[in-house]
């Protein structure tokens, strides 16, 4: 498998095979499961973080990046979806705050102005971004820089 796909990363292999995967809380067991959408497999992995069980996928332009002041291993990245009806080409007043760990940021360098796709789950928690408290954010399980 490693020689065929030039990687041992199961997430990279799943992406190359166009297999969707998600994290969700499954309790103590199982550690993972496979579900199917018609004939297409979907991999579900157990995750101990308490998500609100809403799977989110969003593509947009990065407009702001801030290191989490309480956790040096996390960054907050604000994504704004495109909107063909605005002069800027971006949605006015509608953005999404994502929490991306430092290892993911190193593996997929993200900069303001980049267009990225993230997949993850929403937390029922608050974050402080640029001095403002927000009600929730997305914990990112997957990121792709376009």
C-alpha atoms as a PDB file:
ATOM      1  CA  UNK A   1       0.000   0.000   0.000  1.00  0.00           C
ATOM      2  CA  UNK A   2       2.828   2.427   0.879  1.00  0.00           C
ATOM      3  CA  UNK A   3       4.667   1.873  -2.418  1.00  0.00           C
ATOM      4  CA  UNK A   4       1.450   2.135  -4.416  1.00  0.00           C
ATOM      5  CA  UNK A   5       0.425   5.528  -2.939  1.00  0.00           C
ATOM      6  CA  UNK A   6       3.869   6.809  -1.840  1.00  0.00           C
ATOM      7  CA  UNK A   7       2.592   7.377   1.693  1.00  0.00           C
ATOM      8  CA  UNK A   8       1.613   5.527   4.857  1.00  0.00           C
ATOM      9  CA  UNK A   9      -0.836   8.287   5.831  1.00  0.00           C
ATOM     10  CA  UNK A  10      -4.296   6.649   5.823  1.00  0.00           C
ATOM     11  CA  UNK A  11      -5.995  10.043   5.366  1.00  0.00           C
ATOM     12  CA  UNK A  12      -3.918  10.835   2.270  1.00  0.00           C
ATOM     13  CA  UNK A  13      -4.696   7.380   0.855  1.00  0.00           C
ATOM     14  CA  UNK A  14      -8.417   7.865   1.527  1.00  0.00           C
ATOM     15  CA  UNK A  15      -8.266  11.237  -0.246  1.00  0.00           C
ATOM     16  CA  UNK A  16      -6.518   9.682  -3.260  1.00  0.00           C
ATOM     17  CA  UNK A  17      -9.237   7.022  -3.402  1.00  0.00           C
ATOM     18  CA  UNK A  18     -11.995   9.660  -2.949  1.00  0.00           C
ATOM     19  CA  UNK A  19     -13.171   7.984   0.251  1.00  0.00           C
ATOM     20  CA  UNK A  20     -14.824  10.383   2.710  1.00  0.00           C
ATOM     21  CA  UNK A  21     -13.868  10.125   6.377  1.00  0.00           C
ATOM     22  CA  UNK A  22     -15.114  11.817   9.529  1.00  0.00           C
ATOM     23  CA  UNK A  23     -14.429  11.889  13.241  1.00  0.00           C
ATOM     24  CA  UNK A  24     -17.369  11.462  15.581  1.00  0.00           C
ATOM     25  CA  UNK A  25     -17.840  10.338  19.170  1.00  0.00           C
ATOM     26  CA  UNK A  26     -18.608   6.614  19.225  1.00  0.00           C
ATOM     27  CA  UNK A  27     -18.115   5.995  22.945  1.00  0.00           C
ATOM     28  CA  UNK A  28     -15.392   3.702  24.228  1.00  0.00           C
ATOM     29  CA  UNK A  29     -15.873   1.262  21.312  1.00  0.00           C
ATOM     30  CA  UNK A  30     -15.689   0.836  18.369  1.00  0.00           C
ATOM     31  CA  UNK A  31     -12.510   2.682  17.417  1.00  0.00           C
ATOM     32  CA  UNK A  32     -13.875   3.111  13.912  1.00  0.00           C
ATOM     33  CA  UNK A  33     -16.526   1.927  11.494  1.00  0.00           C
ATOM     34  CA  UNK A  34     -17.347   1.952   7.807  1.00  0.00           C
ATOM     35  CA  UNK A  35     -20.678   3.147   6.505  1.00  0.00           C
ATOM     36  CA  UNK A  36     -21.889   3.390   2.930  1.00  0.00           C
ATOM     37  CA  UNK A  37     -23.631   6.070   0.920  1.00  0.00           C
ATOM     38  CA  UNK A  38     -25.058   3.837  -1.760  1.00  0.00           C
ATOM     39  CA  UNK A  39     -21.940   1.980  -2.920  1.00  0.00           C
ATOM     40  CA  UNK A  40     -19.485   4.653  -1.730  1.00  0.00           C
ATOM     41  CA  UNK A  41     -17.650   3.875   1.545  1.00  0.00           C
ATOM     42  CA  UNK A  42     -17.463   6.431   4.353  1.00  0.00           C
ATOM     43  CA  UNK A  43     -14.945   5.867   7.139  1.00  0.00           C
ATOM     44  CA  UNK A  44     -15.997   6.939  10.641  1.00  0.00           C
ATOM     45  CA  UNK A  45     -13.289   7.217  13.305  1.00  0.00           C
ATOM     46  CA  UNK A  46     -13.898   7.473  17.026  1.00  0.00           C
ATOM     47  CA  UNK A  47     -12.946  10.811  18.525  1.00  0.00           C
ATOM     48  CA  UNK A  48     -13.063  11.552  22.244  1.00  0.00           C
ATOM     49  CA  UNK A  49     -13.664  15.309  21.784  1.00  0.00           C
ATOM     50  CA  UNK A  50     -17.310  16.151  22.385  1.00  0.00           C
ATOM     51  CA  UNK A  51     -18.539  17.473  19.072  1.00  0.00           C
ATOM     52  CA  UNK A  52     -22.080  18.660  18.575  1.00  0.00           C
ATOM     53  CA  UNK A  53     -22.274  15.937  15.896  1.00  0.00           C
ATOM     54  CA  UNK A  54     -22.724  18.375  13.000  1.00  0.00           C
ATOM     55  CA  UNK A  55     -20.315  17.504  10.217  1.00  0.00           C
ATOM     56  CA  UNK A  56     -19.228  20.593   8.376  1.00  0.00           C
ATOM     57  CA  UNK A  57     -17.428  21.100   5.090  1.00  0.00           C
ATOM     58  CA  UNK A  58     -16.686  24.637   3.950  1.00  0.00           C
ATOM     59  CA  UNK A  59     -14.593  26.223   1.215  1.00  0.00           C
ATOM     60  CA  UNK A  60     -13.615  29.852   1.374  1.00  0.00           C
ATOM     61  CA  UNK A  61     -10.927  32.504   1.449  1.00  0.00           C
ATOM     62  CA  UNK A  62      -8.735  32.872   4.531  1.00  0.00           C
ATOM     63  CA  UNK A  63      -9.068  36.439   5.808  1.00  0.00           C
ATOM     64  CA  UNK A  64      -7.447  36.174   9.257  1.00  0.00           C
ATOM     65  CA  UNK A  65      -5.101  33.849  11.174  1.00  0.00           C
ATOM     66  CA  UNK A  66      -4.456  34.068  14.924  1.00  0.00           C
ATOM     67  CA  UNK A  67      -2.529  31.753  17.250  1.00  0.00           C
ATOM     68  CA  UNK A  68      -4.709  30.572  20.132  1.00  0.00           C
ATOM     69  CA  UNK A  69      -3.461  32.558  23.160  1.00  0.00           C
ATOM     70  CA  UNK A  70      -4.406  29.687  25.509  1.00  0.00           C
ATOM     71  CA  UNK A  71      -2.929  26.857  23.417  1.00  0.00           C
ATOM     72  CA  UNK A  72       0.279  27.386  21.427  1.00  0.00           C
ATOM     73  CA  UNK A  73      -0.493  24.252  19.402  1.00  0.00           C
ATOM     74  CA  UNK A  74      -3.669  25.679  17.820  1.00  0.00           C
ATOM     75  CA  UNK A  75      -4.433  28.439  15.335  1.00  0.00           C
ATOM     76  CA  UNK A  76      -7.740  30.138  14.653  1.00  0.00           C
ATOM     77  CA  UNK A  77      -8.289  30.600  10.919  1.00  0.00           C
ATOM     78  CA  UNK A  78     -11.237  32.671   9.670  1.00  0.00           C
ATOM     79  CA  UNK A  79     -12.714  31.542   6.347  1.00  0.00           C
ATOM     80  CA  UNK A  80     -15.188  33.586   4.301  1.00  0.00           C
ATOM     81  CA  UNK A  81     -17.171  31.857   1.543  1.00  0.00           C
ATOM     82  CA  UNK A  82     -17.223  33.284  -1.960  1.00  0.00           C
ATOM     83  CA  UNK A  83     -20.234  35.313  -3.074  1.00  0.00           C
ATOM     84  CA  UNK A  84     -20.563  36.274  -6.723  1.00  0.00           C
ATOM     85  CA  UNK A  85     -23.098  38.992  -5.868  1.00  0.00           C
ATOM     86  CA  UNK A  86     -20.704  41.190  -3.835  1.00  0.00           C
ATOM     87  CA  UNK A  87     -18.101  43.553  -5.241  1.00  0.00           C
ATOM     88  CA  UNK A  88     -15.350  41.918  -3.168  1.00  0.00           C
ATOM     89  CA  UNK A  89     -16.306  38.419  -4.326  1.00  0.00           C
ATOM     90  CA  UNK A  90     -16.571  37.324  -0.679  1.00  0.00           C
ATOM     91  CA  UNK A  91     -19.588  37.016   1.590  1.00  0.00           C
ATOM     92  CA  UNK A  92     -20.065  40.172   3.662  1.00  0.00           C
ATOM     93  CA  UNK A  93     -20.388  39.587   7.405  1.00  0.00           C
ATOM     94  CA  UNK A  94     -20.482  35.791   7.186  1.00  0.00           C
ATOM     95  CA  UNK A  95     -17.380  33.886   8.143  1.00  0.00           C
ATOM     96  CA  UNK A  96     -16.397  30.712   9.912  1.00  0.00           C
ATOM     97  CA  UNK A  97     -13.782  30.367  12.632  1.00  0.00           C
ATOM     98  CA  UNK A  98     -11.818  27.142  12.417  1.00  0.00           C
ATOM     99  CA  UNK A  99      -9.340  25.704  14.916  1.00  0.00           C
ATOM    100  CA  UNK A 100      -6.388  24.090  13.158  1.00  0.00           C
ATOM    101  CA  UNK A 101      -3.552  22.375  15.035  1.00  0.00           C
ATOM    102  CA  UNK A 102       0.060  23.411  14.497  1.00  0.00           C
ATOM    103  CA  UNK A 103       1.034  20.108  12.837  1.00  0.00           C
ATOM    104  CA  UNK A 104      -1.683  20.555  10.201  1.00  0.00           C
ATOM    105  CA  UNK A 105      -0.554  24.156   9.636  1.00  0.00           C
ATOM    106  CA  UNK A 106       3.015  22.907   9.085  1.00  0.00           C
ATOM    107  CA  UNK A 107       1.909  20.129   6.736  1.00  0.00           C
ATOM    108  CA  UNK A 108      -0.436  22.437   4.780  1.00  0.00           C
ATOM    109  CA  UNK A 109       0.903  26.009   5.048  1.00  0.00           C
ATOM    110  CA  UNK A 110      -2.070  28.378   5.111  1.00  0.00           C
ATOM    111  CA  UNK A 111      -1.825  32.118   4.517  1.00  0.00           C
ATOM    112  CA  UNK A 112      -4.285  34.992   4.417  1.00  0.00           C
ATOM    113  CA  UNK A 113      -5.757  35.144   0.907  1.00  0.00           C
ATOM    114  CA  UNK A 114      -5.547  31.360   0.337  1.00  0.00           C
ATOM    115  CA  UNK A 115      -8.645  29.447  -0.695  1.00  0.00           C
ATOM    116  CA  UNK A 116      -9.035  26.357   1.491  1.00  0.00           C
ATOM    117  CA  UNK A 117     -11.526  23.575   2.159  1.00  0.00           C
ATOM    118  CA  UNK A 118     -11.927  22.292   5.700  1.00  0.00           C
ATOM    119  CA  UNK A 119     -13.933  19.389   7.067  1.00  0.00           C
ATOM    120  CA  UNK A 120     -14.663  18.980  10.731  1.00  0.00           C
ATOM    121  CA  UNK A 121     -17.226  19.277  13.471  1.00  0.00           C
ATOM    122  CA  UNK A 122     -18.654  22.177  15.423  1.00  0.00           C
ATOM    123  CA  UNK A 123     -17.900  22.576  19.084  1.00  0.00           C
ATOM    124  CA  UNK A 124     -20.486  23.790  21.568  1.00  0.00           C
ATOM    125  CA  UNK A 125     -17.969  26.112  23.153  1.00  0.00           C
ATOM    126  CA  UNK A 126     -16.806  29.716  22.924  1.00  0.00           C
ATOM    127  CA  UNK A 127     -13.555  31.071  21.552  1.00  0.00           C
ATOM    128  CA  UNK A 128     -11.982  34.505  21.818  1.00  0.00           C
ATOM    129  CA  UNK A 129     -10.861  35.832  18.464  1.00  0.00           C
ATOM    130  CA  UNK A 130      -9.299  39.250  18.041  1.00  0.00           C
ATOM    131  CA  UNK A 131     -10.712  40.281  21.432  1.00  0.00           C
ATOM    132  CA  UNK A 132     -14.287  39.144  20.666  1.00  0.00           C
ATOM    133  CA  UNK A 133     -16.055  36.100  22.142  1.00  0.00           C
ATOM    134  CA  UNK A 134     -17.699  33.833  19.568  1.00  0.00           C
ATOM    135  CA  UNK A 135     -20.231  31.124  20.369  1.00  0.00           C
ATOM    136  CA  UNK A 136     -18.730  28.227  18.425  1.00  0.00           C
ATOM    137  CA  UNK A 137     -16.037  27.160  16.004  1.00  0.00           C
ATOM    138  CA  UNK A 138     -15.053  24.229  13.820  1.00  0.00           C
ATOM    139  CA  UNK A 139     -12.417  21.751  14.939  1.00  0.00           C
ATOM    140  CA  UNK A 140     -10.736  20.798  11.688  1.00  0.00           C
ATOM    141  CA  UNK A 141     -10.159  17.142  10.848  1.00  0.00           C
ATOM    142  CA  UNK A 142      -9.091  17.800   7.254  1.00  0.00           C
ATOM    143  CA  UNK A 143      -7.732  20.778   5.310  1.00  0.00           C
ATOM    144  CA  UNK A 144      -6.898  21.263   1.655  1.00  0.00           C
ATOM    145  CA  UNK A 145      -5.232  24.383   0.261  1.00  0.00           C
ATOM    146  CA  UNK A 146      -6.354  25.061  -3.321  1.00  0.00           C
END
